[in-house]
């Protein structure tokens, strides 16, 4: 007997929830050709003079992290969410991610560290 296929609720693009954004980002990020990292993405990390985040860490955060806070609609009408993942040393690596539904692309706007207090 074959295993039943679990039902998945479709994403509500008009009112995106954090769990839907997280699921979408994780799924799309497994194909790294869908990820566009902007030039600005790493600028803030360099400006702060902190340990650098690299591209592989960004991919890992997108593929296995969790949405921090609620997704918001940005100025261009795309959903934007912050993906975060705890890293060794007790810091969270965060990736501000724009979800472009039309072509199933993820645009990385910026990356940053979030220290726990």
PDB file of N, CA and C in Angstrom:
ATOM      1  N   UNK A   1       0.836  -1.178   0.000  1.00  0.00           N
ATOM      2  CA  UNK A   1       0.000   0.000   0.000  1.00  0.00           C
ATOM      3  C   UNK A   1       0.885   1.247   0.000  1.00  0.00           C
ATOM      4  N   UNK A   2       0.540   2.193  -0.800  1.00  0.00           N
ATOM      5  CA  UNK A   2       1.341   3.416  -0.878  1.00  0.00           C
ATOM      6  C   UNK A   2       0.988   4.368   0.258  1.00  0.00           C
ATOM      7  N   UNK A   3       1.968   5.194   0.604  1.00  0.00           N
ATOM      8  CA  UNK A   3       1.770   6.175   1.667  1.00  0.00           C
ATOM      9  C   UNK A   3       0.889   7.315   1.162  1.00  0.00           C
ATOM     10  N   UNK A   4      -0.019   7.787   2.005  1.00  0.00           N
ATOM     11  CA  UNK A   4      -0.853   8.913   1.571  1.00  0.00           C
ATOM     12  C   UNK A   4      -0.014  10.186   1.437  1.00  0.00           C
ATOM     13  N   UNK A   5      -0.414  11.033   0.528  1.00  0.00           N
ATOM     14  CA  UNK A   5       0.267  12.308   0.325  1.00  0.00           C
ATOM     15  C   UNK A   5      -0.366  13.321   1.273  1.00  0.00           C
ATOM     16  N   UNK A   6       0.463  13.943   2.137  1.00  0.00           N
ATOM     17  CA  UNK A   6      -0.122  14.894   3.083  1.00  0.00           C
ATOM     18  C   UNK A   6      -0.670  16.125   2.356  1.00  0.00           C
ATOM     19  N   UNK A   7      -1.767  16.628   2.882  1.00  0.00           N
ATOM     20  CA  UNK A   7      -2.357  17.834   2.309  1.00  0.00           C
ATOM     21  C   UNK A   7      -1.575  19.056   2.785  1.00  0.00           C
ATOM     22  N   UNK A   8      -1.360  19.979   1.866  1.00  0.00           N
ATOM     23  CA  UNK A   8      -0.694  21.232   2.214  1.00  0.00           C
ATOM     24  C   UNK A   8      -1.587  22.376   1.811  1.00  0.00           C
ATOM     25  N   UNK A   9      -1.804  23.258   2.749  1.00  0.00           N
ATOM     26  CA  UNK A   9      -2.620  24.418   2.461  1.00  0.00           C
ATOM     27  C   UNK A   9      -1.870  25.336   1.515  1.00  0.00           C
ATOM     28  N   UNK A  10      -2.526  25.848   0.482  1.00  0.00           N
ATOM     29  CA  UNK A  10      -1.832  26.753  -0.440  1.00  0.00           C
ATOM     30  C   UNK A  10      -1.452  28.060   0.258  1.00  0.00           C
ATOM     31  N   UNK A  11      -0.412  28.675  -0.232  1.00  0.00           N
ATOM     32  CA  UNK A  11       0.060  29.943   0.324  1.00  0.00           C
ATOM     33  C   UNK A  11      -0.963  31.036   0.014  1.00  0.00           C
ATOM     34  N   UNK A  12      -1.299  31.817   1.011  1.00  0.00           N
ATOM     35  CA  UNK A  12      -2.213  32.951   0.831  1.00  0.00           C
ATOM     36  C   UNK A  12      -1.385  34.196   0.531  1.00  0.00           C
ATOM     37  N   UNK A  13      -1.175  34.477  -0.719  1.00  0.00           N
ATOM     38  CA  UNK A  13      -0.304  35.584  -1.117  1.00  0.00           C
ATOM     39  C   UNK A  13      -0.870  36.947  -0.760  1.00  0.00           C
ATOM     40  N   UNK A  14      -2.178  37.032  -0.544  1.00  0.00           N
ATOM     41  CA  UNK A  14      -2.770  38.326  -0.193  1.00  0.00           C
ATOM     42  C   UNK A  14      -2.525  38.697   1.270  1.00  0.00           C
ATOM     43  N   UNK A  15      -2.292  37.699   2.110  1.00  0.00           N
ATOM     44  CA  UNK A  15      -2.085  37.930   3.539  1.00  0.00           C
ATOM     45  C   UNK A  15      -1.096  36.882   4.051  1.00  0.00           C
ATOM     46  N   UNK A  16       0.160  37.006   3.647  1.00  0.00           N
ATOM     47  CA  UNK A  16       1.185  35.990   3.916  1.00  0.00           C
ATOM     48  C   UNK A  16       1.488  35.883   5.407  1.00  0.00           C
ATOM     49  N   UNK A  17       1.417  34.675   5.919  1.00  0.00           N
ATOM     50  CA  UNK A  17       1.758  34.412   7.323  1.00  0.00           C
ATOM     51  C   UNK A  17       3.233  34.026   7.414  1.00  0.00           C
ATOM     52  N   UNK A  18       3.789  34.111   8.619  1.00  0.00           N
ATOM     53  CA  UNK A  18       5.210  33.802   8.795  1.00  0.00           C
ATOM     54  C   UNK A  18       5.525  32.345   8.473  1.00  0.00           C
ATOM     55  N   UNK A  19       4.647  31.405   8.814  1.00  0.00           N
ATOM     56  CA  UNK A  19       4.929  30.003   8.501  1.00  0.00           C
ATOM     57  C   UNK A  19       4.890  29.752   6.999  1.00  0.00           C
ATOM     58  N   UNK A  20       4.015  30.467   6.284  1.00  0.00           N
ATOM     59  CA  UNK A  20       3.964  30.325   4.833  1.00  0.00           C
ATOM     60  C   UNK A  20       5.213  30.927   4.191  1.00  0.00           C
ATOM     61  N   UNK A  21       5.655  32.073   4.688  1.00  0.00           N
ATOM     62  CA  UNK A  21       6.869  32.694   4.166  1.00  0.00           C
ATOM     63  C   UNK A  21       8.072  31.788   4.418  1.00  0.00           C
ATOM     64  N   UNK A  22       8.159  31.231   5.611  1.00  0.00           N
ATOM     65  CA  UNK A  22       9.262  30.337   5.959  1.00  0.00           C
ATOM     66  C   UNK A  22       9.293  29.118   5.046  1.00  0.00           C
ATOM     67  N   UNK A  23       8.149  28.488   4.865  1.00  0.00           N
ATOM     68  CA  UNK A  23       8.070  27.302   3.996  1.00  0.00           C
ATOM     69  C   UNK A  23       8.472  27.642   2.569  1.00  0.00           C
ATOM     70  N   UNK A  24       7.985  28.770   2.057  1.00  0.00           N
ATOM     71  CA  UNK A  24       8.302  29.194   0.688  1.00  0.00           C
ATOM     72  C   UNK A  24       9.789  29.466   0.535  1.00  0.00           C
ATOM     73  N   UNK A  25      10.359  30.226   1.448  1.00  0.00           N
ATOM     74  CA  UNK A  25      11.788  30.559   1.368  1.00  0.00           C
ATOM     75  C   UNK A  25      12.631  29.302   1.443  1.00  0.00           C
ATOM     76  N   UNK A  26      12.341  28.439   2.391  1.00  0.00           N
ATOM     77  CA  UNK A  26      13.128  27.197   2.518  1.00  0.00           C
ATOM     78  C   UNK A  26      13.064  26.358   1.241  1.00  0.00           C
ATOM     79  N   UNK A  27      11.872  26.195   0.690  1.00  0.00           N
ATOM     80  CA  UNK A  27      11.722  25.378  -0.527  1.00  0.00           C
ATOM     81  C   UNK A  27      12.467  25.997  -1.701  1.00  0.00           C
ATOM     82  N   UNK A  28      12.246  27.270  -1.957  1.00  0.00           N
ATOM     83  CA  UNK A  28      12.872  27.922  -3.110  1.00  0.00           C
ATOM     84  C   UNK A  28      14.384  28.000  -2.951  1.00  0.00           C
ATOM     85  N   UNK A  29      14.882  28.147  -1.726  1.00  0.00           N
ATOM     86  CA  UNK A  29      16.323  28.319  -1.496  1.00  0.00           C
ATOM     87  C   UNK A  29      17.127  27.058  -1.777  1.00  0.00           C
ATOM     88  N   UNK A  30      16.486  25.913  -1.855  1.00  0.00           N
ATOM     89  CA  UNK A  30      17.241  24.700  -2.166  1.00  0.00           C
ATOM     90  C   UNK A  30      17.783  24.718  -3.594  1.00  0.00           C
ATOM     91  N   UNK A  31      17.213  25.536  -4.441  1.00  0.00           N
ATOM     92  CA  UNK A  31      17.766  25.775  -5.772  1.00  0.00           C
ATOM     93  C   UNK A  31      18.465  27.138  -5.697  1.00  0.00           C
ATOM     94  N   UNK A  32      19.764  27.124  -5.439  1.00  0.00           N
ATOM     95  CA  UNK A  32      20.487  28.378  -5.197  1.00  0.00           C
ATOM     96  C   UNK A  32      20.502  29.306  -6.410  1.00  0.00           C
ATOM     97  N   UNK A  33      20.159  28.803  -7.588  1.00  0.00           N
ATOM     98  CA  UNK A  33      20.076  29.686  -8.757  1.00  0.00           C
ATOM     99  C   UNK A  33      18.891  30.644  -8.636  1.00  0.00           C
ATOM    100  N   UNK A  34      17.975  30.384  -7.718  1.00  0.00           N
ATOM    101  CA  UNK A  34      16.831  31.266  -7.480  1.00  0.00           C
ATOM    102  C   UNK A  34      17.171  32.409  -6.516  1.00  0.00           C
ATOM    103  N   UNK A  35      18.355  32.376  -5.917  1.00  0.00           N
ATOM    104  CA  UNK A  35      18.745  33.363  -4.917  1.00  0.00           C
ATOM    105  C   UNK A  35      19.602  34.438  -5.559  1.00  0.00           C
ATOM    106  N   UNK A  36      19.169  35.681  -5.419  1.00  0.00           N
ATOM    107  CA  UNK A  36      19.921  36.833  -5.924  1.00  0.00           C
ATOM    108  C   UNK A  36      20.419  37.609  -4.708  1.00  0.00           C
ATOM    109  N   UNK A  37      21.724  37.716  -4.572  1.00  0.00           N
ATOM    110  CA  UNK A  37      22.306  38.458  -3.451  1.00  0.00           C
ATOM    111  C   UNK A  37      22.732  39.827  -3.968  1.00  0.00           C
ATOM    112  N   UNK A  38      22.117  40.873  -3.439  1.00  0.00           N
ATOM    113  CA  UNK A  38      22.411  42.234  -3.893  1.00  0.00           C
ATOM    114  C   UNK A  38      23.789  42.674  -3.406  1.00  0.00           C
ATOM    115  N   UNK A  39      24.336  43.682  -4.076  1.00  0.00           N
ATOM    116  CA  UNK A  39      25.622  44.242  -3.644  1.00  0.00           C
ATOM    117  C   UNK A  39      25.515  44.817  -2.241  1.00  0.00           C
ATOM    118  N   UNK A  40      24.379  45.390  -1.936  1.00  0.00           N
ATOM    119  CA  UNK A  40      24.157  46.003  -0.625  1.00  0.00           C
ATOM    120  C   UNK A  40      24.125  44.979   0.508  1.00  0.00           C
ATOM    121  N   UNK A  41      23.854  43.728   0.191  1.00  0.00           N
ATOM    122  CA  UNK A  41      23.610  42.718   1.213  1.00  0.00           C
ATOM    123  C   UNK A  41      24.716  42.630   2.263  1.00  0.00           C
ATOM    124  N   UNK A  42      25.947  42.670   1.850  1.00  0.00           N
ATOM    125  CA  UNK A  42      27.053  42.502   2.794  1.00  0.00           C
ATOM    126  C   UNK A  42      27.661  43.824   3.254  1.00  0.00           C
ATOM    127  N   UNK A  43      27.213  44.935   2.696  1.00  0.00           N
ATOM    128  CA  UNK A  43      27.778  46.239   3.052  1.00  0.00           C
ATOM    129  C   UNK A  43      27.651  46.547   4.535  1.00  0.00           C
ATOM    130  N   UNK A  44      26.483  46.318   5.107  1.00  0.00           N
ATOM    131  CA  UNK A  44      26.263  46.667   6.510  1.00  0.00           C
ATOM    132  C   UNK A  44      27.143  45.841   7.440  1.00  0.00           C
ATOM    133  N   UNK A  45      27.385  44.584   7.117  1.00  0.00           N
ATOM    134  CA  UNK A  45      28.253  43.753   7.953  1.00  0.00           C
ATOM    135  C   UNK A  45      29.657  44.339   7.952  1.00  0.00           C
ATOM    136  N   UNK A  46      30.158  44.720   6.770  1.00  0.00           N
ATOM    137  CA  UNK A  46      31.492  45.308   6.672  1.00  0.00           C
ATOM    138  C   UNK A  46      31.564  46.633   7.418  1.00  0.00           C
ATOM    139  N   UNK A  47      30.520  47.462   7.310  1.00  0.00           N
ATOM    140  CA  UNK A  47      30.491  48.750   7.995  1.00  0.00           C
ATOM    141  C   UNK A  47      30.581  48.591   9.504  1.00  0.00           C
ATOM    142  N   UNK A  48      29.951  47.574  10.026  1.00  0.00           N
ATOM    143  CA  UNK A  48      29.945  47.375  11.474  1.00  0.00           C
ATOM    144  C   UNK A  48      31.262  46.801  11.982  1.00  0.00           C
ATOM    145  N   UNK A  49      32.085  46.300  11.070  1.00  0.00           N
ATOM    146  CA  UNK A  49      33.367  45.751  11.485  1.00  0.00           C
ATOM    147  C   UNK A  49      33.245  44.453  12.263  1.00  0.00           C
ATOM    148  N   UNK A  50      32.168  43.746  12.082  1.00  0.00           N
ATOM    149  CA  UNK A  50      31.960  42.488  12.793  1.00  0.00           C
ATOM    150  C   UNK A  50      32.386  41.315  11.922  1.00  0.00           C
ATOM    151  N   UNK A  51      32.346  40.153  12.520  1.00  0.00           N
ATOM    152  CA  UNK A  51      32.675  38.949  11.756  1.00  0.00           C
ATOM    153  C   UNK A  51      31.801  38.887  10.515  1.00  0.00           C
ATOM    154  N   UNK A  52      32.408  38.524   9.425  1.00  0.00           N
ATOM    155  CA  UNK A  52      31.707  38.520   8.151  1.00  0.00           C
ATOM    156  C   UNK A  52      30.821  37.290   8.006  1.00  0.00           C
ATOM    157  N   UNK A  53      29.711  37.502   7.339  1.00  0.00           N
ATOM    158  CA  UNK A  53      28.846  36.403   6.928  1.00  0.00           C
ATOM    159  C   UNK A  53      29.179  36.108   5.468  1.00  0.00           C
ATOM    160  N   UNK A  54      29.296  34.847   5.127  1.00  0.00           N
ATOM    161  CA  UNK A  54      29.617  34.509   3.740  1.00  0.00           C
ATOM    162  C   UNK A  54      28.402  33.953   3.011  1.00  0.00           C
ATOM    163  N   UNK A  55      28.567  33.743   1.727  1.00  0.00           N
ATOM    164  CA  UNK A  55      27.468  33.284   0.882  1.00  0.00           C
ATOM    165  C   UNK A  55      26.933  31.928   1.328  1.00  0.00           C
ATOM    166  N   UNK A  56      27.801  31.026   1.701  1.00  0.00           N
ATOM    167  CA  UNK A  56      27.345  29.695   2.132  1.00  0.00           C
ATOM    168  C   UNK A  56      26.490  29.791   3.393  1.00  0.00           C
ATOM    169  N   UNK A  57      26.841  30.703   4.296  1.00  0.00           N
ATOM    170  CA  UNK A  57      26.033  30.904   5.500  1.00  0.00           C
ATOM    171  C   UNK A  57      24.663  31.453   5.125  1.00  0.00           C
ATOM    172  N   UNK A  58      24.619  32.377   4.169  1.00  0.00           N
ATOM    173  CA  UNK A  58      23.343  32.925   3.701  1.00  0.00           C
ATOM    174  C   UNK A  58      22.473  31.792   3.157  1.00  0.00           C
ATOM    175  N   UNK A  59      23.036  30.927   2.325  1.00  0.00           N
ATOM    176  CA  UNK A  59      22.275  29.798   1.785  1.00  0.00           C
ATOM    177  C   UNK A  59      21.737  28.917   2.909  1.00  0.00           C
ATOM    178  N   UNK A  60      22.573  28.620   3.896  1.00  0.00           N
ATOM    179  CA  UNK A  60      22.163  27.760   5.013  1.00  0.00           C
ATOM    180  C   UNK A  60      21.025  28.396   5.819  1.00  0.00           C
ATOM    181  N   UNK A  61      21.122  29.711   6.055  1.00  0.00           N
ATOM    182  CA  UNK A  61      20.058  30.407   6.782  1.00  0.00           C
ATOM    183  C   UNK A  61      18.747  30.323   6.005  1.00  0.00           C
ATOM    184  N   UNK A  62      18.807  30.552   4.703  1.00  0.00           N
ATOM    185  CA  UNK A  62      17.598  30.507   3.884  1.00  0.00           C
ATOM    186  C   UNK A  62      17.010  29.099   3.809  1.00  0.00           C
ATOM    187  N   UNK A  63      17.852  28.095   3.787  1.00  0.00           N
ATOM    188  CA  UNK A  63      17.385  26.721   3.629  1.00  0.00           C
ATOM    189  C   UNK A  63      16.907  26.083   4.932  1.00  0.00           C
ATOM    190  N   UNK A  64      17.432  26.541   6.066  1.00  0.00           N
ATOM    191  CA  UNK A  64      17.122  25.857   7.325  1.00  0.00           C
ATOM    192  C   UNK A  64      16.709  26.791   8.454  1.00  0.00           C
ATOM    193  N   UNK A  65      16.706  28.093   8.215  1.00  0.00           N
ATOM    194  CA  UNK A  65      16.368  29.051   9.268  1.00  0.00           C
ATOM    195  C   UNK A  65      14.874  29.166   9.498  1.00  0.00           C
ATOM    196  N   UNK A  66      14.530  30.122  10.351  1.00  0.00           N
ATOM    197  CA  UNK A  66      13.130  30.381  10.689  1.00  0.00           C
ATOM    198  C   UNK A  66      12.835  31.865  10.481  1.00  0.00           C
ATOM    199  N   UNK A  67      11.605  32.169  10.124  1.00  0.00           N
ATOM    200  CA  UNK A  67      11.209  33.563   9.957  1.00  0.00           C
ATOM    201  C   UNK A  67      11.156  34.222  11.333  1.00  0.00           C
ATOM    202  N   UNK A  68      11.766  35.396  11.424  1.00  0.00           N
ATOM    203  CA  UNK A  68      11.777  36.191  12.645  1.00  0.00           C
ATOM    204  C   UNK A  68      10.802  37.342  12.451  1.00  0.00           C
ATOM    205  N   UNK A  69       9.738  37.378  13.226  1.00  0.00           N
ATOM    206  CA  UNK A  69       8.719  38.415  13.068  1.00  0.00           C
ATOM    207  C   UNK A  69       7.741  38.061  11.964  1.00  0.00           C
ATOM    208  N   UNK A  70       6.977  39.056  11.565  1.00  0.00           N
ATOM    209  CA  UNK A  70       5.971  38.856  10.519  1.00  0.00           C
ATOM    210  C   UNK A  70       6.474  39.373   9.175  1.00  0.00           C
ATOM    211  N   UNK A  71       6.099  38.707   8.083  1.00  0.00           N
ATOM    212  CA  UNK A  71       6.445  39.233   6.764  1.00  0.00           C
ATOM    213  C   UNK A  71       5.703  40.555   6.526  1.00  0.00           C
ATOM    214  N   UNK A  72       6.325  41.429   5.745  1.00  0.00           N
ATOM    215  CA  UNK A  72       5.702  42.709   5.403  1.00  0.00           C
ATOM    216  C   UNK A  72       5.757  42.899   3.897  1.00  0.00           C
ATOM    217  N   UNK A  73       4.798  43.644   3.385  1.00  0.00           N
ATOM    218  CA  UNK A  73       4.784  43.983   1.963  1.00  0.00           C
ATOM    219  C   UNK A  73       5.750  45.155   1.771  1.00  0.00           C
ATOM    220  N   UNK A  74       6.680  45.032   0.827  1.00  0.00           N
ATOM    221  CA  UNK A  74       7.641  46.109   0.622  1.00  0.00           C
ATOM    222  C   UNK A  74       7.103  47.143  -0.363  1.00  0.00           C
ATOM    223  N   UNK A  75       7.930  48.137  -0.650  1.00  0.00           N
ATOM    224  CA  UNK A  75       7.513  49.256  -1.499  1.00  0.00           C
ATOM    225  C   UNK A  75       7.204  48.853  -2.938  1.00  0.00           C
ATOM    226  N   UNK A  76       7.648  47.691  -3.369  1.00  0.00           N
ATOM    227  CA  UNK A  76       7.393  47.223  -4.741  1.00  0.00           C
ATOM    228  C   UNK A  76       6.286  46.180  -4.815  1.00  0.00           C
ATOM    229  N   UNK A  77       5.652  45.923  -3.680  1.00  0.00           N
ATOM    230  CA  UNK A  77       4.534  44.982  -3.670  1.00  0.00           C
ATOM    231  C   UNK A  77       4.936  43.531  -3.489  1.00  0.00           C
ATOM    232  N   UNK A  78       6.181  43.273  -3.073  1.00  0.00           N
ATOM    233  CA  UNK A  78       6.646  41.910  -2.813  1.00  0.00           C
ATOM    234  C   UNK A  78       6.699  41.699  -1.304  1.00  0.00           C
ATOM    235  N   UNK A  79       6.501  40.462  -0.893  1.00  0.00           N
ATOM    236  CA  UNK A  79       6.620  40.136   0.518  1.00  0.00           C
ATOM    237  C   UNK A  79       8.087  40.072   0.916  1.00  0.00           C
ATOM    238  N   UNK A  80       8.375  40.540   2.106  1.00  0.00           N
ATOM    239  CA  UNK A  80       9.732  40.562   2.638  1.00  0.00           C
ATOM    240  C   UNK A  80       9.708  39.958   4.038  1.00  0.00           C
ATOM    241  N   UNK A  81      10.684  39.109   4.327  1.00  0.00           N
ATOM    242  CA  UNK A  81      10.754  38.455   5.639  1.00  0.00           C
ATOM    243  C   UNK A  81      12.203  38.370   6.083  1.00  0.00           C
ATOM    244  N   UNK A  82      12.395  38.285   7.381  1.00  0.00           N
ATOM    245  CA  UNK A  82      13.733  38.099   7.940  1.00  0.00           C
ATOM    246  C   UNK A  82      13.868  36.640   8.344  1.00  0.00           C
ATOM    247  N   UNK A  83      14.828  35.956   7.726  1.00  0.00           N
ATOM    248  CA  UNK A  83      15.133  34.577   8.106  1.00  0.00           C
ATOM    249  C   UNK A  83      16.301  34.626   9.083  1.00  0.00           C
ATOM    250  N   UNK A  84      16.212  33.848  10.163  1.00  0.00           N
ATOM    251  CA  UNK A  84      17.253  33.833  11.185  1.00  0.00           C
ATOM    252  C   UNK A  84      17.624  32.397  11.533  1.00  0.00           C
ATOM    253  N   UNK A  85      18.902  32.222  11.872  1.00  0.00           N
ATOM    254  CA  UNK A  85      19.376  30.896  12.295  1.00  0.00           C
ATOM    255  C   UNK A  85      20.450  31.088  13.355  1.00  0.00           C
ATOM    256  N   UNK A  86      20.325  30.337  14.450  1.00  0.00           N
ATOM    257  CA  UNK A  86      21.318  30.384  15.527  1.00  0.00           C
ATOM    258  C   UNK A  86      22.620  29.762  15.033  1.00  0.00           C
ATOM    259  N   UNK A  87      23.715  30.472  15.284  1.00  0.00           N
ATOM    260  CA  UNK A  87      25.024  30.010  14.866  1.00  0.00           C
ATOM    261  C   UNK A  87      25.871  29.683  16.098  1.00  0.00           C
ATOM    262  N   UNK A  88      26.937  28.933  15.908  1.00  0.00           N
ATOM    263  CA  UNK A  88      27.823  28.657  17.042  1.00  0.00           C
ATOM    264  C   UNK A  88      28.287  29.981  17.670  1.00  0.00           C
ATOM    265  N   UNK A  89      28.296  30.032  18.973  1.00  0.00           N
ATOM    266  CA  UNK A  89      28.690  31.248  19.667  1.00  0.00           C
ATOM    267  C   UNK A  89      27.503  32.042  20.177  1.00  0.00           C
ATOM    268  N   UNK A  90      26.277  31.583  19.882  1.00  0.00           N
ATOM    269  CA  UNK A  90      25.100  32.211  20.435  1.00  0.00           C
ATOM    270  C   UNK A  90      24.585  33.417  19.692  1.00  0.00           C
ATOM    271  N   UNK A  91      24.991  33.616  18.466  1.00  0.00           N
ATOM    272  CA  UNK A  91      24.484  34.723  17.665  1.00  0.00           C
ATOM    273  C   UNK A  91      23.546  34.179  16.599  1.00  0.00           C
ATOM    274  N   UNK A  92      22.612  35.022  16.182  1.00  0.00           N
ATOM    275  CA  UNK A  92      21.730  34.668  15.080  1.00  0.00           C
ATOM    276  C   UNK A  92      22.207  35.373  13.821  1.00  0.00           C
ATOM    277  N   UNK A  93      22.373  34.606  12.748  1.00  0.00           N
ATOM    278  CA  UNK A  93      22.624  35.194  11.436  1.00  0.00           C
ATOM    279  C   UNK A  93      21.260  35.467  10.831  1.00  0.00           C
ATOM    280  N   UNK A  94      21.036  36.695  10.352  1.00  0.00           N
ATOM    281  CA  UNK A  94      19.743  37.088   9.805  1.00  0.00           C
ATOM    282  C   UNK A  94      19.898  37.517   8.354  1.00  0.00           C
ATOM    283  N   UNK A  95      18.920  37.148   7.546  1.00  0.00           N
ATOM    284  CA  UNK A  95      18.925  37.479   6.122  1.00  0.00           C
ATOM    285  C   UNK A  95      17.581  38.113   5.783  1.00  0.00           C
ATOM    286  N   UNK A  96      17.617  39.395   5.403  1.00  0.00           N
ATOM    287  CA  UNK A  96      16.403  40.077   4.965  1.00  0.00           C
ATOM    288  C   UNK A  96      16.156  39.649   3.528  1.00  0.00           C
ATOM    289  N   UNK A  97      15.021  38.987   3.304  1.00  0.00           N
ATOM    290  CA  UNK A  97      14.737  38.306   2.049  1.00  0.00           C
ATOM    291  C   UNK A  97      13.446  38.808   1.417  1.00  0.00           C
ATOM    292  N   UNK A  98      13.520  39.136   0.126  1.00  0.00           N
ATOM    293  CA  UNK A  98      12.339  39.527  -0.639  1.00  0.00           C
ATOM    294  C   UNK A  98      11.894  38.307  -1.441  1.00  0.00           C
ATOM    295  N   UNK A  99      10.611  37.991  -1.339  1.00  0.00           N
ATOM    296  CA  UNK A  99      10.032  36.849  -2.051  1.00  0.00           C
ATOM    297  C   UNK A  99       9.344  37.381  -3.305  1.00  0.00           C
ATOM    298  N   UNK A 100       9.912  37.077  -4.471  1.00  0.00           N
ATOM    299  CA  UNK A 100       9.328  37.529  -5.738  1.00  0.00           C
ATOM    300  C   UNK A 100       8.531  36.364  -6.312  1.00  0.00           C
ATOM    301  N   UNK A 101       7.237  36.438  -6.132  1.00  0.00           N
ATOM    302  CA  UNK A 101       6.356  35.336  -6.511  1.00  0.00           C
ATOM    303  C   UNK A 101       6.353  35.085  -8.015  1.00  0.00           C
ATOM    304  N   UNK A 102       6.387  36.149  -8.826  1.00  0.00           N
ATOM    305  CA  UNK A 102       6.246  36.017 -10.280  1.00  0.00           C
ATOM    306  C   UNK A 102       7.239  35.038 -10.893  1.00  0.00           C
ATOM    307  N   UNK A 103       8.503  35.121 -10.477  1.00  0.00           N
ATOM    308  CA  UNK A 103       9.505  34.227 -11.067  1.00  0.00           C
ATOM    309  C   UNK A 103      10.169  33.316 -10.034  1.00  0.00           C
ATOM    310  N   UNK A 104       9.540  33.211  -8.845  1.00  0.00           N
ATOM    311  CA  UNK A 104      10.020  32.325  -7.784  1.00  0.00           C
ATOM    312  C   UNK A 104      11.490  32.598  -7.449  1.00  0.00           C
ATOM    313  N   UNK A 105      11.777  33.869  -7.225  1.00  0.00           N
ATOM    314  CA  UNK A 105      13.131  34.304  -6.899  1.00  0.00           C
ATOM    315  C   UNK A 105      13.163  34.849  -5.482  1.00  0.00           C
ATOM    316  N   UNK A 106      14.292  34.653  -4.812  1.00  0.00           N
ATOM    317  CA  UNK A 106      14.534  35.230  -3.494  1.00  0.00           C
ATOM    318  C   UNK A 106      15.643  36.265  -3.642  1.00  0.00           C
ATOM    319  N   UNK A 107      15.371  37.492  -3.226  1.00  0.00           N
ATOM    320  CA  UNK A 107      16.371  38.549  -3.304  1.00  0.00           C
ATOM    321  C   UNK A 107      16.842  38.849  -1.882  1.00  0.00           C
ATOM    322  N   UNK A 108      18.147  38.726  -1.673  1.00  0.00           N
ATOM    323  CA  UNK A 108      18.733  39.009  -0.369  1.00  0.00           C
ATOM    324  C   UNK A 108      19.074  40.494  -0.325  1.00  0.00           C
ATOM    325  N   UNK A 109      18.341  41.246   0.505  1.00  0.00           N
ATOM    326  CA  UNK A 109      18.559  42.692   0.606  1.00  0.00           C
ATOM    327  C   UNK A 109      19.724  43.014   1.518  1.00  0.00           C
ATOM    328  N   UNK A 110      19.781  42.348   2.652  1.00  0.00           N
ATOM    329  CA  UNK A 110      20.883  42.586   3.586  1.00  0.00           C
ATOM    330  C   UNK A 110      21.056  41.379   4.495  1.00  0.00           C
ATOM    331  N   UNK A 111      22.228  41.286   5.076  1.00  0.00           N
ATOM    332  CA  UNK A 111      22.509  40.249   6.068  1.00  0.00           C
ATOM    333  C   UNK A 111      23.057  40.939   7.307  1.00  0.00           C
ATOM    334  N   UNK A 112      22.805  40.329   8.454  1.00  0.00           N
ATOM    335  CA  UNK A 112      23.268  40.950   9.704  1.00  0.00           C
ATOM    336  C   UNK A 112      23.333  39.910  10.809  1.00  0.00           C
ATOM    337  N   UNK A 113      24.061  40.268  11.834  1.00  0.00           N
ATOM    338  CA  UNK A 113      24.097  39.466  13.044  1.00  0.00           C
ATOM    339  C   UNK A 113      23.095  40.047  14.032  1.00  0.00           C
ATOM    340  N   UNK A 114      22.451  39.209  14.780  1.00  0.00           N
ATOM    341  CA  UNK A 114      21.569  39.644  15.868  1.00  0.00           C
ATOM    342  C   UNK A 114      22.068  38.975  17.126  1.00  0.00           C
ATOM    343  N   UNK A 115      22.594  39.782  18.042  1.00  0.00           N
ATOM    344  CA  UNK A 115      23.109  39.248  19.309  1.00  0.00           C
ATOM    345  C   UNK A 115      21.968  39.071  20.287  1.00  0.00           C
ATOM    346  N   UNK A 116      22.032  37.997  21.018  1.00  0.00           N
ATOM    347  CA  UNK A 116      21.013  37.737  22.042  1.00  0.00           C
ATOM    348  C   UNK A 116      21.435  38.419  23.329  1.00  0.00           C
ATOM    349  N   UNK A 117      20.488  39.024  23.976  1.00  0.00           N
ATOM    350  CA  UNK A 117      20.795  39.714  25.230  1.00  0.00           C
ATOM    351  C   UNK A 117      20.223  38.998  26.416  1.00  0.00           C
TER     352      UNK A 117
END
